[in-house]
Amino acid sequence: MRIEVRDLTKRYGPQLAVDNISFTVDTGEIVGFLGPNGAGKTTTMKIITNFIAPTFGDVFINGISIREQPNEIKRHIGYLPESNPLYNDMPVIDYLKFVGELLDINNLTGRIKDVIEKVGLYDEKHKKIGELSKGYKQRVGLAQAIIHDPEILILDEPTSGLDPNQIVEIRKLIRELGKEKTVILSTHILPEVEAITDRILIINKGKIVADGTSESLKTQATENESLIVEIEGGSPSEVLSKLNELATVGKVDITSREGNKFEVTSRPGLSSRKDIFTMCVNNNWFLTQLTPVERKLEDIFRQLTLN
């Protein structure tokens, strides 16, 4: 199912939480929804899931407005909120039966069995939820989100509290679910976003500030080419001086004097690779390294949200 968020705005009194945002998520797409605390992520997710109403704008699920048919749309959405509210006095299997009965699921016993096995709760199914670790409670929350086999999954911090092995298992499950479902995933673990998602949305102060794949965001954010350069044959001061004389070079930082290693930043819109190579040839120096500096998603996130 396709999600279309159109001109969405949400106010809490004088506070503008979501500021006229629009985006789409297609079937089979896993989208990472990132942003600092208070940026509007959870508010947007709650509007999509019909937990709260927008002030202006609308959300369409396969062309159907959430304002017009909210109850019908809820049947197609599974939601794991960040707080993950659970009934701690209920055994896992009873809780899932309770949720399934509320949703009027056919063949509920078989569906509970499938979901318990899928999220790795088989050995814990008769334990009270309050006796479980945080990681297993998170699995219970994920189980209730998918028990009615929804076409859309909205997951807010789904791997919170899990150990490394459990994180790998849940990531695998989310990727499998994403092959046939539409998934919006919010998390503060940036490597997780790159490992799971097809596309990334970044929201800051209620506005969408980036939309694209991890690689495309890194490319868009790189205003100036940065290179790690290592040269043999000249003294550090001599090489530094020659690099600074190049017309295409904007800035040079020494990263290691022992190996004559530098980080060279080119001027905007220019590349200094050819000039560095020619400089080495003219001075009979050996160019032993010339590699681009890899931008990390963390760098992009900070660049877009620290303002």
Protein backbone atom coordinates (compact mmCIF):
# COMPACT_ATOMS: atom_id res chain seq x y z
CA MET A 1 0.00 0.00 0.00
CA ARG A 2 1.17 3.48 -0.86
CA ILE A 3 1.38 6.28 1.69
CA GLU A 4 1.07 9.87 0.53
CA VAL A 5 1.58 12.63 3.08
CA ARG A 6 0.28 15.88 1.61
CA ASP A 7 0.87 19.37 3.09
CA LEU A 8 0.75 17.98 6.62
CA THR A 9 0.75 20.45 9.51
CA LYS A 10 0.25 19.90 13.23
CA ARG A 11 0.02 22.55 15.91
CA TYR A 12 -0.15 22.09 19.67
CA GLY A 13 -1.47 25.51 20.66
CA PRO A 14 1.20 28.02 19.61
CA GLN A 15 3.79 25.25 19.00
CA LEU A 16 4.28 24.15 15.39
CA ALA A 17 5.27 20.46 15.57
CA VAL A 18 4.97 19.57 11.87
CA ASP A 19 5.30 22.30 9.27
CA ASN A 20 3.58 21.65 5.92
CA ILE A 21 5.46 18.47 4.95
CA SER A 22 4.82 16.21 1.94
CA PHE A 23 6.32 12.86 0.96
CA THR A 24 5.34 9.45 -0.40
CA VAL A 25 6.31 5.88 0.49
CA ASP A 26 5.59 3.11 -2.02
CA THR A 27 4.69 -0.54 -1.47
CA GLY A 28 7.73 -2.68 -0.71
CA GLU A 29 9.78 0.34 0.34
CA ILE A 30 11.47 0.61 3.75
CA VAL A 31 11.97 4.26 4.63
CA GLY A 32 14.09 5.47 7.54
CA PHE A 33 12.56 8.50 9.26
CA LEU A 34 15.28 10.43 11.09
CA GLY A 35 15.46 13.59 13.12
CA PRO A 36 16.59 14.98 16.48
CA ASN A 37 14.31 14.81 19.50
CA GLY A 38 11.37 17.17 19.07
CA ALA A 39 11.76 17.38 15.28
CA GLY A 40 8.26 16.06 14.52
CA LYS A 41 8.93 12.36 13.79
CA THR A 42 6.61 10.82 16.34
CA THR A 43 3.88 13.38 15.66
CA THR A 44 3.98 12.55 11.95
CA MET A 45 3.87 8.81 12.64
CA LYS A 46 0.93 9.22 15.02
CA ILE A 47 -0.98 11.16 12.37
CA ILE A 48 -0.33 8.47 9.75
CA THR A 49 -1.58 5.81 12.18
CA ASN A 50 -4.67 7.87 13.13
CA PHE A 51 -3.66 8.25 16.78
CA ILE A 52 -3.95 12.01 16.44
CA ALA A 53 -5.53 14.28 13.82
CA PRO A 54 -3.62 16.80 11.71
CA THR A 55 -4.29 20.52 12.00
CA PHE A 56 -4.03 20.96 8.24
CA GLY A 57 -3.20 18.68 5.33
CA ASP A 58 -3.99 15.02 4.87
CA VAL A 59 -2.57 11.50 4.56
CA PHE A 60 -3.76 9.14 1.83
CA ILE A 61 -3.44 5.36 2.06
CA ASN A 62 -3.86 3.94 -1.45
CA GLY A 63 -5.72 7.11 -2.33
CA ILE A 64 -8.06 6.99 0.68
CA SER A 65 -7.95 9.95 3.07
CA ILE A 66 -7.41 9.23 6.76
CA ARG A 67 -9.96 11.95 7.45
CA GLU A 68 -12.68 10.17 5.48
CA GLN A 69 -12.24 6.51 6.50
CA PRO A 70 -10.02 6.39 9.61
CA ASN A 71 -11.35 3.09 10.99
CA GLU A 72 -10.94 1.25 7.69
CA ILE A 73 -7.39 2.55 7.27
CA LYS A 74 -6.40 1.44 10.78
CA ARG A 75 -7.00 -2.16 9.73
CA HIS A 76 -4.19 -1.87 7.21
CA ILE A 77 -1.60 -0.38 9.58
CA GLY A 78 0.57 -2.00 12.24
CA TYR A 79 2.15 0.39 14.74
CA LEU A 80 4.96 -0.12 17.24
CA PRO A 81 5.17 3.08 19.32
CA GLU A 82 8.38 4.11 21.02
CA SER A 83 6.86 3.74 24.50
CA ASN A 84 5.53 0.25 23.62
CA PRO A 85 2.66 0.13 26.17
CA LEU A 86 1.92 -3.46 27.26
CA TYR A 87 -0.18 -5.27 29.87
CA ASN A 88 2.55 -6.56 32.19
CA ASP A 89 0.25 -8.94 34.12
CA MET A 90 -0.79 -10.84 30.99
CA PRO A 91 1.12 -13.83 29.55
CA VAL A 92 2.45 -13.17 26.07
CA ILE A 93 0.10 -15.60 24.35
CA ASP A 94 -2.95 -14.20 26.18
CA TYR A 95 -2.00 -10.64 25.28
CA LEU A 96 -1.71 -11.52 21.58
CA LYS A 97 -5.06 -13.33 21.77
CA PHE A 98 -6.58 -10.21 23.36
CA VAL A 99 -5.19 -7.97 20.58
CA GLY A 100 -6.30 -10.42 17.90
CA GLU A 101 -9.84 -10.56 19.24
CA LEU A 102 -10.05 -6.76 19.24
CA LEU A 103 -9.02 -6.83 15.59
CA ASP A 104 -11.47 -9.68 14.80
CA ILE A 105 -8.76 -11.84 13.18
CA ASN A 106 -9.79 -15.09 11.49
CA ASN A 107 -7.93 -18.29 12.50
CA LEU A 108 -6.47 -16.41 15.44
CA THR A 109 -4.81 -19.43 17.06
CA GLY A 110 -2.82 -20.19 13.92
CA ARG A 111 -1.93 -16.55 13.42
CA ILE A 112 -0.64 -16.24 17.01
CA LYS A 113 1.54 -19.30 16.51
CA ASP A 114 3.01 -17.89 13.27
CA VAL A 115 3.73 -14.49 14.79
CA ILE A 116 5.32 -15.92 17.96
CA GLU A 117 7.69 -18.01 15.87
CA LYS A 118 8.44 -15.15 13.49
CA VAL A 119 9.54 -12.73 16.24
CA GLY A 120 11.33 -15.34 18.36
CA LEU A 121 8.98 -15.55 21.36
CA TYR A 122 8.29 -19.31 21.37
CA ASP A 123 10.13 -20.03 24.63
CA GLU A 124 8.61 -16.96 26.31
CA LYS A 125 5.00 -17.33 25.17
CA HIS A 126 3.61 -18.44 28.56
CA LYS A 127 5.57 -15.92 30.64
CA LYS A 128 3.95 -12.77 31.95
CA ILE A 129 5.05 -9.73 29.96
CA GLY A 130 6.26 -8.02 33.14
CA GLU A 131 8.78 -10.84 33.67
CA LEU A 132 10.41 -10.34 30.29
CA SER A 133 13.58 -8.38 29.53
CA LYS A 134 13.27 -5.11 27.65
CA GLY A 135 14.38 -6.84 24.47
CA TYR A 136 11.67 -9.48 24.67
CA LYS A 137 9.07 -6.85 25.53
CA GLN A 138 10.08 -5.12 22.32
CA ARG A 139 9.43 -8.37 20.45
CA VAL A 140 5.96 -8.56 22.00
CA GLY A 141 5.31 -5.04 20.75
CA LEU A 142 6.43 -6.02 17.27
CA ALA A 143 4.25 -9.14 17.41
CA GLN A 144 1.13 -7.09 18.18
CA ALA A 145 2.00 -4.72 15.34
CA ILE A 146 2.03 -7.51 12.74
CA ILE A 147 -0.55 -9.95 14.16
CA HIS A 148 -3.27 -8.76 11.76
CA ASP A 149 -0.84 -8.98 8.81
CA PRO A 150 -1.09 -5.27 7.92
CA GLU A 151 0.08 -3.89 4.57
CA ILE A 152 1.77 -0.94 6.34
CA LEU A 153 4.14 -1.00 9.31
CA ILE A 154 5.07 2.09 11.32
CA LEU A 155 7.94 1.21 13.66
CA ASP A 156 9.24 3.71 16.21
CA GLU A 157 12.62 2.56 17.60
CA PRO A 158 11.95 -1.17 16.96
CA THR A 159 15.37 -2.41 18.14
CA SER A 160 15.52 -0.35 21.33
CA GLY A 161 16.87 -2.45 24.20
CA LEU A 162 17.89 -5.43 22.07
CA ASP A 163 21.30 -7.08 22.29
CA PRO A 164 23.48 -7.25 19.12
CA ASN A 165 22.27 -10.73 18.15
CA GLN A 166 18.62 -9.75 18.59
CA ILE A 167 19.17 -6.56 16.59
CA VAL A 168 20.48 -8.61 13.65
CA GLU A 169 17.44 -10.93 13.87
CA ILE A 170 14.93 -8.05 14.00
CA ARG A 171 16.69 -6.27 11.14
CA LYS A 172 16.37 -9.45 9.07
CA LEU A 173 12.69 -9.71 9.96
CA ILE A 174 12.03 -6.07 9.00
CA ARG A 175 13.80 -6.57 5.66
CA GLU A 176 11.67 -9.67 5.00
CA LEU A 177 8.48 -7.82 5.92
CA GLY A 178 9.52 -4.92 3.69
CA LYS A 179 9.48 -7.14 0.59
CA GLU A 180 5.69 -7.06 0.56
CA LYS A 181 4.78 -4.27 2.99
CA THR A 182 5.27 -0.53 3.21
CA VAL A 183 7.51 0.25 6.19
CA ILE A 184 8.38 3.53 7.92
CA LEU A 185 11.12 3.04 10.49
CA SER A 186 12.26 5.63 13.02
CA THR A 187 15.51 5.11 14.92
CA HIS A 188 18.45 7.02 16.40
CA ILE A 189 20.87 4.23 15.44
CA LEU A 190 22.21 5.56 12.15
CA PRO A 191 24.12 2.42 11.07
CA GLU A 192 20.83 0.57 11.47
CA VAL A 193 19.18 2.93 8.99
CA GLU A 194 21.83 2.19 6.39
CA ALA A 195 21.56 -1.56 7.05
CA ILE A 196 17.77 -1.78 6.71
CA THR A 197 16.28 1.04 4.68
CA ASP A 198 15.92 1.75 0.97
CA ARG A 199 15.48 5.48 1.48
CA ILE A 200 15.97 8.09 4.19
CA LEU A 201 13.84 11.06 5.23
CA ILE A 202 15.33 13.59 7.66
CA ILE A 203 13.04 16.00 9.49
CA ASN A 204 14.22 19.01 11.49
CA LYS A 205 12.06 21.59 13.27
CA GLY A 206 8.97 20.16 11.62
CA LYS A 207 10.29 20.35 8.05
CA ILE A 208 11.67 17.67 5.72
CA VAL A 209 15.30 18.66 5.09
CA ALA A 210 16.49 15.59 3.16
CA ASP A 211 14.97 12.78 1.10
CA GLY A 212 17.01 10.14 -0.72
CA THR A 213 19.14 7.03 -0.44
CA SER A 214 22.09 6.98 1.93
CA GLU A 215 24.51 7.31 -0.98
CA SER A 216 22.60 10.11 -2.70
CA LEU A 217 22.45 12.12 0.55
CA LYS A 218 26.19 11.75 1.00
CA THR A 219 26.77 12.94 -2.57
CA GLN A 220 24.41 15.92 -2.21
CA ALA A 221 26.01 16.98 1.07
CA THR A 222 29.55 16.95 -0.31
CA GLU A 223 30.00 20.55 -1.43
CA ASN A 224 33.78 20.30 -1.69
CA GLU A 225 35.85 17.29 -2.73
CA SER A 226 38.05 16.07 0.11
CA LEU A 227 41.00 13.73 -0.50
CA ILE A 228 43.49 11.87 1.65
CA VAL A 229 46.86 12.39 -0.02
CA GLU A 230 50.15 10.68 0.90
CA ILE A 231 53.36 11.72 -0.84
CA GLU A 232 56.92 10.44 -0.56
CA GLY A 233 60.03 12.37 -1.60
CA GLY A 234 59.62 15.84 -0.14
CA SER A 235 59.63 17.25 3.38
CA PRO A 236 56.24 17.86 5.04
CA SER A 237 56.69 21.63 4.89
CA GLU A 238 57.72 21.53 1.23
CA VAL A 239 54.80 19.32 0.19
CA LEU A 240 52.37 21.43 2.23
CA SER A 241 53.61 24.59 0.55
CA LYS A 242 53.25 23.13 -2.95
CA LEU A 243 49.74 21.81 -2.24
CA ASN A 244 48.61 25.24 -1.01
CA GLU A 245 49.89 26.80 -4.24
CA LEU A 246 47.55 24.71 -6.41
CA ALA A 247 44.71 26.77 -7.88
CA THR A 248 42.13 24.03 -7.31
CA VAL A 249 43.01 23.53 -3.62
CA GLY A 250 41.03 25.37 -0.97
CA LYS A 251 42.42 23.90 2.25
CA VAL A 252 45.14 21.48 3.37
CA ASP A 253 45.35 19.77 6.76
CA ILE A 254 48.27 17.61 7.88
CA THR A 255 47.00 14.25 9.17
CA SER A 256 50.43 12.59 9.60
CA ARG A 257 53.89 14.15 9.32
CA GLU A 258 55.66 10.79 9.39
CA GLY A 259 54.07 9.63 6.17
CA ASN A 260 53.54 13.06 4.57
CA LYS A 261 49.79 12.46 4.74
CA PHE A 262 47.33 15.32 4.19
CA GLU A 263 43.61 15.94 3.86
CA VAL A 264 43.15 18.17 0.82
CA THR A 265 39.85 19.98 0.30
CA SER A 266 39.25 21.30 -3.20
CA ARG A 267 37.60 24.60 -4.01
CA PRO A 268 33.81 24.45 -4.57
CA GLY A 269 32.91 22.72 -7.82
CA LEU A 270 36.54 21.81 -8.60
CA SER A 271 38.67 18.67 -8.37
CA SER A 272 42.35 18.85 -7.45
CA ARG A 273 43.27 15.24 -8.32
CA LYS A 274 44.92 16.03 -11.66
CA ASP A 275 46.84 19.00 -10.22
CA ILE A 276 48.15 16.90 -7.31
CA PHE A 277 49.32 14.18 -9.69
CA THR A 278 51.05 16.73 -11.98
CA MET A 279 52.69 18.40 -8.93
CA CYS A 280 54.20 15.06 -7.86
CA VAL A 281 55.49 14.34 -11.37
CA ASN A 282 57.10 17.79 -11.68
CA ASN A 283 58.86 17.41 -8.30
CA ASN A 284 59.86 13.74 -8.72
CA TRP A 285 57.71 12.75 -5.72
CA PHE A 286 55.84 9.48 -5.31
CA LEU A 287 52.07 9.73 -4.88
CA THR A 288 51.34 6.70 -2.67
CA GLN A 289 47.73 7.51 -1.75
CA LEU A 290 44.94 9.55 -3.29
CA THR A 291 41.56 8.51 -1.90
CA PRO A 292 38.32 10.43 -1.33
CA VAL A 293 37.21 11.09 2.24
CA GLU A 294 34.09 9.02 2.88
CA ARG A 295 31.20 10.98 4.34
CA LYS A 296 29.22 9.21 7.05
CA LEU A 297 25.48 9.39 7.55
CA GLU A 298 26.18 10.81 11.00
CA ASP A 299 28.00 13.74 9.38
CA ILE A 300 25.07 14.39 7.05
CA PHE A 301 22.58 14.20 9.92
CA ARG A 302 24.55 16.69 12.03
CA GLN A 303 25.03 19.03 9.08
CA LEU A 304 21.28 19.13 8.38
CA THR A 305 19.99 19.32 11.97
CA LEU A 306 22.49 21.47 13.90
CA ASN A 307 20.94 24.80 13.07
